[in-house]
Structures are given as structure tokens and as C-alpha cells.
Amino acid sequence: MNLALFDVDILGQALHAAILDGDHSKLDSYSDTVLPQIWNYQDFAVWMTDMMHDAGDPTLRGTFLQMTARARLDNLFNSKTAALLHSQYQLGTN
């Protein structure tokens, strides 16, 4: 949801500038503006999904990935830095 709100905010600003001011520069740079954030969130989503799935049954992807996923989960609970980064990604404030 945060990503959609970010995206529509940037698009709204670009459309406003183009329609009311005749300035198309924000529309022209729209993809360059939003794609880095989109890829960051895609990376976070893959990381989170893999971590949650790998932490369970080791027969799915092996004991090594299970244990590294559990170590990541432990870090989220025991490291203020890891927890802060995780919460920033969840809230869209990173």
C-alpha cells in the first residue's frame, strides 16, 4: 500500500506540473524517479517471503537455508538496527 501511495503522489505531482504549468520534465523522468523505490520494495518482498518460507520445513529448500532464515528472524527480534531497518521498509520510510 505504501508503495502505491508513493507512486500516485509522484504521478500526481508530475501530472499537475504538466497540465497546469506546461512542465513535462517530471512526467519525462517519472520512471527514473519511481523505479529505484519499486525495486527496493520488490527486493524487500522477496527477502521477507524467502525468510518466512525457508524458516519452516527444511525439506523444502534444505537445512542451510532454514538455519540462515532463522538467524535472520532472530536478528529482527534481537538487533535494534535490524528491527529499525525492517520497520522502515514496512512503513515505507526508508
PDB file of N, CA and C in Angstrom:
ATOM      1  N   MET A   1       0.818  -1.188   0.000  1.00  0.00           N
ATOM      2  CA  MET A   1       0.000   0.000   0.000  1.00  0.00           C
ATOM      3  C   MET A   1       0.867   1.258   0.000  1.00  0.00           C
ATOM      4  N   ASN A   2       1.926   1.255   0.832  1.00  0.00           N
ATOM      5  CA  ASN A   2       2.796   2.428   0.879  1.00  0.00           C
ATOM      6  C   ASN A   2       3.414   2.720  -0.482  1.00  0.00           C
ATOM      7  N   LEU A   3       3.788   1.660  -1.181  1.00  0.00           N
ATOM      8  CA  LEU A   3       4.395   1.845  -2.499  1.00  0.00           C
ATOM      9  C   LEU A   3       3.392   2.468  -3.467  1.00  0.00           C
ATOM     10  N   ALA A   4       2.152   2.039  -3.410  1.00  0.00           N
ATOM     11  CA  ALA A   4       1.123   2.613  -4.283  1.00  0.00           C
ATOM     12  C   ALA A   4       0.893   4.084  -3.956  1.00  0.00           C
ATOM     13  N   LEU A   5       0.898   4.425  -2.674  1.00  0.00           N
ATOM     14  CA  LEU A   5       0.716   5.823  -2.286  1.00  0.00           C
ATOM     15  C   LEU A   5       1.892   6.676  -2.738  1.00  0.00           C
ATOM     16  N   PHE A   6       3.102   6.143  -2.599  1.00  0.00           N
ATOM     17  CA  PHE A   6       4.294   6.846  -3.079  1.00  0.00           C
ATOM     18  C   PHE A   6       4.181   7.090  -4.580  1.00  0.00           C
ATOM     19  N   ASP A   7       3.814   6.052  -5.299  1.00  0.00           N
ATOM     20  CA  ASP A   7       3.726   6.123  -6.753  1.00  0.00           C
ATOM     21  C   ASP A   7       2.683   7.148  -7.204  1.00  0.00           C
ATOM     22  N   VAL A   8       1.510   7.116  -6.606  1.00  0.00           N
ATOM     23  CA  VAL A   8       0.445   8.035  -7.022  1.00  0.00           C
ATOM     24  C   VAL A   8       0.791   9.474  -6.631  1.00  0.00           C
ATOM     25  N   ASP A   9       1.525   9.659  -5.547  1.00  0.00           N
ATOM     26  CA  ASP A   9       1.952  11.002  -5.158  1.00  0.00           C
ATOM     27  C   ASP A   9       2.897  11.588  -6.206  1.00  0.00           C
ATOM     28  N   ILE A  10       3.876  10.806  -6.627  1.00  0.00           N
ATOM     29  CA  ILE A  10       4.830  11.259  -7.641  1.00  0.00           C
ATOM     30  C   ILE A  10       4.106  11.516  -8.966  1.00  0.00           C
ATOM     31  N   LEU A  11       3.214  10.599  -9.337  1.00  0.00           N
ATOM     32  CA  LEU A  11       2.459  10.771 -10.581  1.00  0.00           C
ATOM     33  C   LEU A  11       1.574  12.011 -10.518  1.00  0.00           C
ATOM     34  N   GLY A  12       0.920  12.219  -9.391  1.00  0.00           N
ATOM     35  CA  GLY A  12       0.064  13.394  -9.236  1.00  0.00           C
ATOM     36  C   GLY A  12       0.837  14.695  -9.386  1.00  0.00           C
ATOM     37  N   GLN A  13       2.020  14.741  -8.781  1.00  0.00           N
ATOM     38  CA  GLN A  13       2.857  15.938  -8.914  1.00  0.00           C
ATOM     39  C   GLN A  13       3.271  16.154 -10.370  1.00  0.00           C
ATOM     40  N   ALA A  14       3.613  15.072 -11.044  1.00  0.00           N
ATOM     41  CA  ALA A  14       4.037  15.170 -12.445  1.00  0.00           C
ATOM     42  C   ALA A  14       2.885  15.629 -13.336  1.00  0.00           C
ATOM     43  N   LEU A  15       1.702  15.074 -13.114  1.00  0.00           N
ATOM     44  CA  LEU A  15       0.539  15.481 -13.908  1.00  0.00           C
ATOM     45  C   LEU A  15       0.156  16.935 -13.628  1.00  0.00           C
ATOM     46  N   HIS A  16       0.219  17.318 -12.378  1.00  0.00           N
ATOM     47  CA  HIS A  16      -0.088  18.701 -12.003  1.00  0.00           C
ATOM     48  C   HIS A  16       0.846  19.666 -12.725  1.00  0.00           C
ATOM     49  N   ALA A  17       2.132  19.371 -12.698  1.00  0.00           N
ATOM     50  CA  ALA A  17       3.114  20.239 -13.362  1.00  0.00           C
ATOM     51  C   ALA A  17       2.885  20.276 -14.871  1.00  0.00           C
ATOM     52  N   ALA A  18       2.546  19.125 -15.449  1.00  0.00           N
ATOM     53  CA  ALA A  18       2.351  19.063 -16.903  1.00  0.00           C
ATOM     54  C   ALA A  18       1.083  19.790 -17.336  1.00  0.00           C
ATOM     55  N   ILE A  19      -0.004  19.570 -16.614  1.00  0.00           N
ATOM     56  CA  ILE A  19      -1.294  20.130 -17.024  1.00  0.00           C
ATOM     57  C   ILE A  19      -1.403  21.618 -16.689  1.00  0.00           C
ATOM     58  N   LEU A  20      -1.021  21.982 -15.478  1.00  0.00           N
ATOM     59  CA  LEU A  20      -1.224  23.368 -15.051  1.00  0.00           C
ATOM     60  C   LEU A  20      -0.074  24.300 -15.413  1.00  0.00           C
ATOM     61  N   ASP A  21       1.144  23.752 -15.447  1.00  0.00           N
ATOM     62  CA  ASP A  21       2.313  24.605 -15.689  1.00  0.00           C
ATOM     63  C   ASP A  21       2.950  24.379 -17.054  1.00  0.00           C
ATOM     64  N   GLY A  22       2.510  23.337 -17.753  1.00  0.00           N
ATOM     65  CA  GLY A  22       3.116  23.017 -19.042  1.00  0.00           C
ATOM     66  C   GLY A  22       4.519  22.442 -18.931  1.00  0.00           C
ATOM     67  N   ASP A  23       4.891  22.017 -17.714  1.00  0.00           N
ATOM     68  CA  ASP A  23       6.230  21.461 -17.465  1.00  0.00           C
ATOM     69  C   ASP A  23       6.146  19.935 -17.495  1.00  0.00           C
ATOM     70  N   HIS A  24       6.682  19.322 -18.537  1.00  0.00           N
ATOM     71  CA  HIS A  24       6.612  17.869 -18.699  1.00  0.00           C
ATOM     72  C   HIS A  24       7.845  17.151 -18.159  1.00  0.00           C
ATOM     73  N   SER A  25       8.752  17.860 -17.524  1.00  0.00           N
ATOM     74  CA  SER A  25      10.004  17.243 -17.069  1.00  0.00           C
ATOM     75  C   SER A  25       9.765  16.151 -16.027  1.00  0.00           C
ATOM     76  N   LYS A  26       8.802  16.357 -15.125  1.00  0.00           N
ATOM     77  CA  LYS A  26       8.521  15.332 -14.110  1.00  0.00           C
ATOM     78  C   LYS A  26       7.878  14.094 -14.737  1.00  0.00           C
ATOM     79  N   LEU A  27       7.047  14.297 -15.744  1.00  0.00           N
ATOM     80  CA  LEU A  27       6.480  13.145 -16.455  1.00  0.00           C
ATOM     81  C   LEU A  27       7.569  12.405 -17.219  1.00  0.00           C
ATOM     82  N   ASP A  28       8.468  13.162 -17.839  1.00  0.00           N
ATOM     83  CA  ASP A  28       9.555  12.547 -18.602  1.00  0.00           C
ATOM     84  C   ASP A  28      10.491  11.737 -17.705  1.00  0.00           C
ATOM     85  N   SER A  29      10.659  12.167 -16.461  1.00  0.00           N
ATOM     86  CA  SER A  29      11.570  11.465 -15.548  1.00  0.00           C
ATOM     87  C   SER A  29      10.831  10.557 -14.563  1.00  0.00           C
ATOM     88  N   TYR A  30       9.540  10.338 -14.802  1.00  0.00           N
ATOM     89  CA  TYR A  30       8.706   9.554 -13.881  1.00  0.00           C
ATOM     90  C   TYR A  30       9.289   8.167 -13.605  1.00  0.00           C
ATOM     91  N   SER A  31       9.622   7.417 -14.649  1.00  0.00           N
ATOM     92  CA  SER A  31      10.158   6.064 -14.457  1.00  0.00           C
ATOM     93  C   SER A  31      11.471   6.090 -13.695  1.00  0.00           C
ATOM     94  N   ASP A  32      12.347   7.018 -14.045  1.00  0.00           N
ATOM     95  CA  ASP A  32      13.623   7.126 -13.340  1.00  0.00           C
ATOM     96  C   ASP A  32      13.422   7.488 -11.872  1.00  0.00           C
ATOM     97  N   THR A  33      12.356   8.201 -11.582  1.00  0.00           N
ATOM     98  CA  THR A  33      12.069   8.607 -10.205  1.00  0.00           C
ATOM     99  C   THR A  33      11.511   7.457  -9.379  1.00  0.00           C
ATOM    100  N   VAL A  34      10.573   6.700  -9.924  1.00  0.00           N
ATOM    101  CA  VAL A  34       9.879   5.691  -9.116  1.00  0.00           C
ATOM    102  C   VAL A  34      10.510   4.299  -9.160  1.00  0.00           C
ATOM    103  N   LEU A  35      11.196   3.949 -10.239  1.00  0.00           N
ATOM    104  CA  LEU A  35      11.710   2.579 -10.353  1.00  0.00           C
ATOM    105  C   LEU A  35      12.702   2.182  -9.260  1.00  0.00           C
ATOM    106  N   PRO A  36      13.621   3.039  -8.830  1.00  0.00           N
ATOM    107  CA  PRO A  36      14.515   2.610  -7.747  1.00  0.00           C
ATOM    108  C   PRO A  36      13.749   2.206  -6.484  1.00  0.00           C
ATOM    109  N   GLN A  37      12.727   2.963  -6.122  1.00  0.00           N
ATOM    110  CA  GLN A  37      11.926   2.632  -4.943  1.00  0.00           C
ATOM    111  C   GLN A  37      11.152   1.334  -5.162  1.00  0.00           C
ATOM    112  N   ILE A  38      10.620   1.157  -6.348  1.00  0.00           N
ATOM    113  CA  ILE A  38       9.882  -0.069  -6.657  1.00  0.00           C
ATOM    114  C   ILE A  38      10.794  -1.285  -6.533  1.00  0.00           C
ATOM    115  N   TRP A  39      12.001  -1.201  -7.086  1.00  0.00           N
ATOM    116  CA  TRP A  39      12.922  -2.335  -6.992  1.00  0.00           C
ATOM    117  C   TRP A  39      13.362  -2.587  -5.556  1.00  0.00           C
ATOM    118  N   ASN A  40      13.507  -1.537  -4.752  1.00  0.00           N
ATOM    119  CA  ASN A  40      13.829  -1.741  -3.336  1.00  0.00           C
ATOM    120  C   ASN A  40      12.723  -2.523  -2.639  1.00  0.00           C
ATOM    121  N   TYR A  41      11.483  -2.176  -2.921  1.00  0.00           N
ATOM    122  CA  TYR A  41      10.369  -2.883  -2.295  1.00  0.00           C
ATOM    123  C   TYR A  41      10.217  -4.303  -2.824  1.00  0.00           C
ATOM    124  N   GLN A  42      10.505  -4.517  -4.093  1.00  0.00           N
ATOM    125  CA  GLN A  42      10.477  -5.875  -4.629  1.00  0.00           C
ATOM    126  C   GLN A  42      11.532  -6.728  -3.931  1.00  0.00           C
ATOM    127  N   ASP A  43      12.718  -6.153  -3.758  1.00  0.00           N
ATOM    128  CA  ASP A  43      13.793  -6.860  -3.061  1.00  0.00           C
ATOM    129  C   ASP A  43      13.373  -7.199  -1.635  1.00  0.00           C
ATOM    130  N   PHE A  44      12.767  -6.246  -0.942  1.00  0.00           N
ATOM    131  CA  PHE A  44      12.299  -6.487   0.422  1.00  0.00           C
ATOM    132  C   PHE A  44      11.244  -7.586   0.453  1.00  0.00           C
ATOM    133  N   ALA A  45      10.311  -7.553  -0.492  1.00  0.00           N
ATOM    134  CA  ALA A  45       9.248  -8.559  -0.529  1.00  0.00           C
ATOM    135  C   ALA A  45       9.807  -9.957  -0.756  1.00  0.00           C
ATOM    136  N   VAL A  46      10.774 -10.076  -1.659  1.00  0.00           N
ATOM    137  CA  VAL A  46      11.400 -11.379  -1.916  1.00  0.00           C
ATOM    138  C   VAL A  46      12.166 -11.842  -0.684  1.00  0.00           C
ATOM    139  N   TRP A  47      12.925 -10.929  -0.077  1.00  0.00           N
ATOM    140  CA  TRP A  47      13.696 -11.259   1.126  1.00  0.00           C
ATOM    141  C   TRP A  47      12.773 -11.756   2.233  1.00  0.00           C
ATOM    142  N   MET A  48      11.680 -11.026   2.477  1.00  0.00           N
ATOM    143  CA  MET A  48      10.749 -11.388   3.540  1.00  0.00           C
ATOM    144  C   MET A  48      10.060 -12.720   3.245  1.00  0.00           C
ATOM    145  N   THR A  49       9.604 -12.898   2.022  1.00  0.00           N
ATOM    146  CA  THR A  49       8.932 -14.143   1.645  1.00  0.00           C
ATOM    147  C   THR A  49       9.868 -15.331   1.775  1.00  0.00           C
ATOM    148  N   ASP A  50      11.073 -15.197   1.242  1.00  0.00           N
ATOM    149  CA  ASP A  50      12.044 -16.290   1.349  1.00  0.00           C
ATOM    150  C   ASP A  50      12.366 -16.597   2.805  1.00  0.00           C
ATOM    151  N   MET A  51      12.565 -15.569   3.604  1.00  0.00           N
ATOM    152  CA  MET A  51      12.902 -15.783   5.009  1.00  0.00           C
ATOM    153  C   MET A  51      11.785 -16.533   5.726  1.00  0.00           C
ATOM    154  N   MET A  52      10.557 -16.129   5.519  1.00  0.00           N
ATOM    155  CA  MET A  52       9.442 -16.769   6.216  1.00  0.00           C
ATOM    156  C   MET A  52       9.233 -18.209   5.752  1.00  0.00           C
ATOM    157  N   HIS A  53       9.382 -18.446   4.459  1.00  0.00           N
ATOM    158  CA  HIS A  53       9.186 -19.801   3.948  1.00  0.00           C
ATOM    159  C   HIS A  53      10.359 -20.708   4.314  1.00  0.00           C
ATOM    160  N   ASP A  54      11.575 -20.178   4.188  1.00  0.00           N
ATOM    161  CA  ASP A  54      12.755 -21.003   4.454  1.00  0.00           C
ATOM    162  C   ASP A  54      12.910 -21.351   5.926  1.00  0.00           C
ATOM    163  N   ALA A  55      12.347 -20.552   6.831  1.00  0.00           N
ATOM    164  CA  ALA A  55      12.500 -20.797   8.262  1.00  0.00           C
ATOM    165  C   ALA A  55      11.707 -22.016   8.724  1.00  0.00           C
ATOM    166  N   GLY A  56      10.833 -22.510   7.902  1.00  0.00           N
ATOM    167  CA  GLY A  56       9.984 -23.633   8.281  1.00  0.00           C
ATOM    168  C   GLY A  56      10.575 -24.989   7.949  1.00  0.00           C
ATOM    169  N   ASP A  57       9.916 -25.716   7.119  1.00  0.00           N
ATOM    170  CA  ASP A  57      10.247 -27.099   6.782  1.00  0.00           C
ATOM    171  C   ASP A  57      11.561 -27.185   6.000  1.00  0.00           C
ATOM    172  N   PRO A  58      12.595 -27.847   6.545  1.00  0.00           N
ATOM    173  CA  PRO A  58      13.875 -27.934   5.844  1.00  0.00           C
ATOM    174  C   PRO A  58      13.830 -28.816   4.601  1.00  0.00           C
ATOM    175  N   THR A  59      12.784 -29.628   4.453  1.00  0.00           N
ATOM    176  CA  THR A  59      12.714 -30.481   3.264  1.00  0.00           C
ATOM    177  C   THR A  59      12.370 -29.678   2.010  1.00  0.00           C
ATOM    178  N   LEU A  60      11.891 -28.452   2.192  1.00  0.00           N
ATOM    179  CA  LEU A  60      11.542 -27.631   1.034  1.00  0.00           C
ATOM    180  C   LEU A  60      12.780 -27.099   0.327  1.00  0.00           C
ATOM    181  N   ARG A  61      13.728 -26.512   1.086  1.00  0.00           N
ATOM    182  CA  ARG A  61      14.905 -25.914   0.459  1.00  0.00           C
ATOM    183  C   ARG A  61      16.198 -26.238   1.183  1.00  0.00           C
ATOM    184  N   GLY A  62      16.129 -27.101   2.178  1.00  0.00           N
ATOM    185  CA  GLY A  62      17.347 -27.544   2.837  1.00  0.00           C
ATOM    186  C   GLY A  62      17.575 -26.909   4.201  1.00  0.00           C
ATOM    187  N   THR A  63      18.396 -27.601   4.973  1.00  0.00           N
ATOM    188  CA  THR A  63      18.689 -27.173   6.340  1.00  0.00           C
ATOM    189  C   THR A  63      19.481 -25.869   6.372  1.00  0.00           C
ATOM    190  N   PHE A  64      20.416 -25.693   5.432  1.00  0.00           N
ATOM    191  CA  PHE A  64      21.225 -24.475   5.424  1.00  0.00           C
ATOM    192  C   PHE A  64      20.347 -23.227   5.307  1.00  0.00           C
ATOM    193  N   LEU A  65      19.432 -23.213   4.348  1.00  0.00           N
ATOM    194  CA  LEU A  65      18.559 -22.049   4.176  1.00  0.00           C
ATOM    195  C   LEU A  65      17.589 -21.896   5.345  1.00  0.00           C
ATOM    196  N   GLN A  66      17.181 -23.011   5.926  1.00  0.00           N
ATOM    197  CA  GLN A  66      16.318 -22.936   7.099  1.00  0.00           C
ATOM    198  C   GLN A  66      17.042 -22.225   8.241  1.00  0.00           C
ATOM    199  N   MET A  67      18.284 -22.612   8.481  1.00  0.00           N
ATOM    200  CA  MET A  67      19.023 -22.037   9.601  1.00  0.00           C
ATOM    201  C   MET A  67      19.408 -20.573   9.346  1.00  0.00           C
ATOM    202  N   THR A  68      19.756 -20.222   8.108  1.00  0.00           N
ATOM    203  CA  THR A  68      20.065 -18.814   7.835  1.00  0.00           C
ATOM    204  C   THR A  68      18.804 -17.956   7.950  1.00  0.00           C
ATOM    205  N   ALA A  69      17.667 -18.495   7.535  1.00  0.00           N
ATOM    206  CA  ALA A  69      16.409 -17.753   7.674  1.00  0.00           C
ATOM    207  C   ALA A  69      16.060 -17.555   9.144  1.00  0.00           C
ATOM    208  N   ARG A  70      16.284 -18.563   9.945  1.00  0.00           N
ATOM    209  CA  ARG A  70      16.008 -18.433  11.378  1.00  0.00           C
ATOM    210  C   ARG A  70      16.962 -17.434  12.031  1.00  0.00           C
ATOM    211  N   ALA A  71      18.206 -17.407  11.561  1.00  0.00           N
ATOM    212  CA  ALA A  71      19.159 -16.415  12.073  1.00  0.00           C
ATOM    213  C   ALA A  71      18.684 -15.000  11.732  1.00  0.00           C
ATOM    214  N   ARG A  72      18.146 -14.822  10.536  1.00  0.00           N
ATOM    215  CA  ARG A  72      17.614 -13.508  10.155  1.00  0.00           C
ATOM    216  C   ARG A  72      16.431 -13.119  11.042  1.00  0.00           C
ATOM    217  N   LEU A  73      15.552 -14.075  11.298  1.00  0.00           N
ATOM    218  CA  LEU A  73      14.418 -13.798  12.182  1.00  0.00           C
ATOM    219  C   LEU A  73      14.895 -13.445  13.586  1.00  0.00           C
ATOM    220  N   ASP A  74      15.881 -14.179  14.079  1.00  0.00           N
ATOM    221  CA  ASP A  74      16.451 -13.858  15.391  1.00  0.00           C
ATOM    222  C   ASP A  74      17.004 -12.436  15.408  1.00  0.00           C
ATOM    223  N   ASN A  75      17.665 -12.038  14.324  1.00  0.00           N
ATOM    224  CA  ASN A  75      18.204 -10.678  14.250  1.00  0.00           C
ATOM    225  C   ASN A  75      17.097  -9.630  14.323  1.00  0.00           C
ATOM    226  N   LEU A  76      15.973  -9.913  13.703  1.00  0.00           N
ATOM    227  CA  LEU A  76      14.863  -8.956  13.751  1.00  0.00           C
ATOM    228  C   LEU A  76      14.364  -8.739  15.178  1.00  0.00           C
ATOM    229  N   PHE A  77      14.436  -9.784  15.987  1.00  0.00           N
ATOM    230  CA  PHE A  77      13.968  -9.683  17.365  1.00  0.00           C
ATOM    231  C   PHE A  77      15.041  -9.191  18.326  1.00  0.00           C
ATOM    232  N   ASN A  78      16.310  -9.417  17.990  1.00  0.00           N
ATOM    233  CA  ASN A  78      17.386  -9.131  18.936  1.00  0.00           C
ATOM    234  C   ASN A  78      18.280  -7.960  18.557  1.00  0.00           C
ATOM    235  N   SER A  79      18.172  -7.463  17.352  1.00  0.00           N
ATOM    236  CA  SER A  79      19.010  -6.353  16.905  1.00  0.00           C
ATOM    237  C   SER A  79      18.143  -5.124  16.652  1.00  0.00           C
ATOM    238  N   LYS A  80      18.418  -4.062  17.385  1.00  0.00           N
ATOM    239  CA  LYS A  80      17.654  -2.828  17.174  1.00  0.00           C
ATOM    240  C   LYS A  80      17.871  -2.284  15.764  1.00  0.00           C
ATOM    241  N   THR A  81      19.080  -2.437  15.250  1.00  0.00           N
ATOM    242  CA  THR A  81      19.387  -1.948  13.906  1.00  0.00           C
ATOM    243  C   THR A  81      18.593  -2.713  12.855  1.00  0.00           C
ATOM    244  N   ALA A  82      18.575  -4.046  12.964  1.00  0.00           N
ATOM    245  CA  ALA A  82      17.824  -4.866  12.009  1.00  0.00           C
ATOM    246  C   ALA A  82      16.329  -4.584  12.122  1.00  0.00           C
ATOM    247  N   ALA A  83      15.848  -4.441  13.346  1.00  0.00           N
ATOM    248  CA  ALA A  83      14.426  -4.160  13.552  1.00  0.00           C
ATOM    249  C   ALA A  83      14.049  -2.793  12.988  1.00  0.00           C
ATOM    250  N   LEU A  84      14.935  -1.807  13.156  1.00  0.00           N
ATOM    251  CA  LEU A  84      14.665  -0.471  12.623  1.00  0.00           C
ATOM    252  C   LEU A  84      14.602  -0.493  11.099  1.00  0.00           C
ATOM    253  N   LEU A  85      15.571  -1.147  10.468  1.00  0.00           N
ATOM    254  CA  LEU A  85      15.569  -1.238   9.008  1.00  0.00           C
ATOM    255  C   LEU A  85      14.308  -1.946   8.510  1.00  0.00           C
ATOM    256  N   HIS A  86      13.965  -3.049   9.169  1.00  0.00           N
ATOM    257  CA  HIS A  86      12.763  -3.797   8.793  1.00  0.00           C
ATOM    258  C   HIS A  86      11.517  -2.912   8.911  1.00  0.00           C
ATOM    259  N   SER A  87      11.402  -2.185  10.005  1.00  0.00           N
ATOM    260  CA  SER A  87      10.219  -1.338  10.194  1.00  0.00           C
ATOM    261  C   SER A  87      10.180  -0.203   9.175  1.00  0.00           C
ATOM    262  N   GLN A  88      11.354   0.319   8.792  1.00  0.00           N
ATOM    263  CA  GLN A  88      11.382   1.369   7.774  1.00  0.00           C
ATOM    264  C   GLN A  88      10.890   0.842   6.430  1.00  0.00           C
ATOM    265  N   TYR A  89      11.290  -0.371   6.086  1.00  0.00           N
ATOM    266  CA  TYR A  89      10.789  -0.962   4.840  1.00  0.00           C
ATOM    267  C   TYR A  89       9.285  -1.213   4.923  1.00  0.00           C
ATOM    268  N   GLN A  90       8.830  -1.710   6.068  1.00  0.00           N
ATOM    269  CA  GLN A  90       7.401  -1.986   6.224  1.00  0.00           C
ATOM    270  C   GLN A  90       6.564  -0.709   6.113  1.00  0.00           C
ATOM    271  N   LEU A  91       7.075   0.375   6.689  1.00  0.00           N
ATOM    272  CA  LEU A  91       6.329   1.631   6.703  1.00  0.00           C
ATOM    273  C   LEU A  91       6.552   2.482   5.460  1.00  0.00           C
ATOM    274  N   GLY A  92       7.579   2.132   4.697  1.00  0.00           N
ATOM    275  CA  GLY A  92       7.882   2.909   3.502  1.00  0.00           C
ATOM    276  C   GLY A  92       8.615   4.195   3.798  1.00  0.00           C
ATOM    277  N   THR A  93       9.357   4.229   4.895  1.00  0.00           N
ATOM    278  CA  THR A  93      10.078   5.448   5.273  1.00  0.00           C
ATOM    279  C   THR A  93      11.568   5.360   5.005  1.00  0.00           C
ATOM    280  N   ASN A  94      12.020   4.307   4.358  1.00  0.00           N
ATOM    281  CA  ASN A  94      13.458   4.148   4.117  1.00  0.00           C
ATOM    282  C   ASN A  94      13.917   4.988   2.961  1.00  0.00           C
TER     283      ASN A  94
END
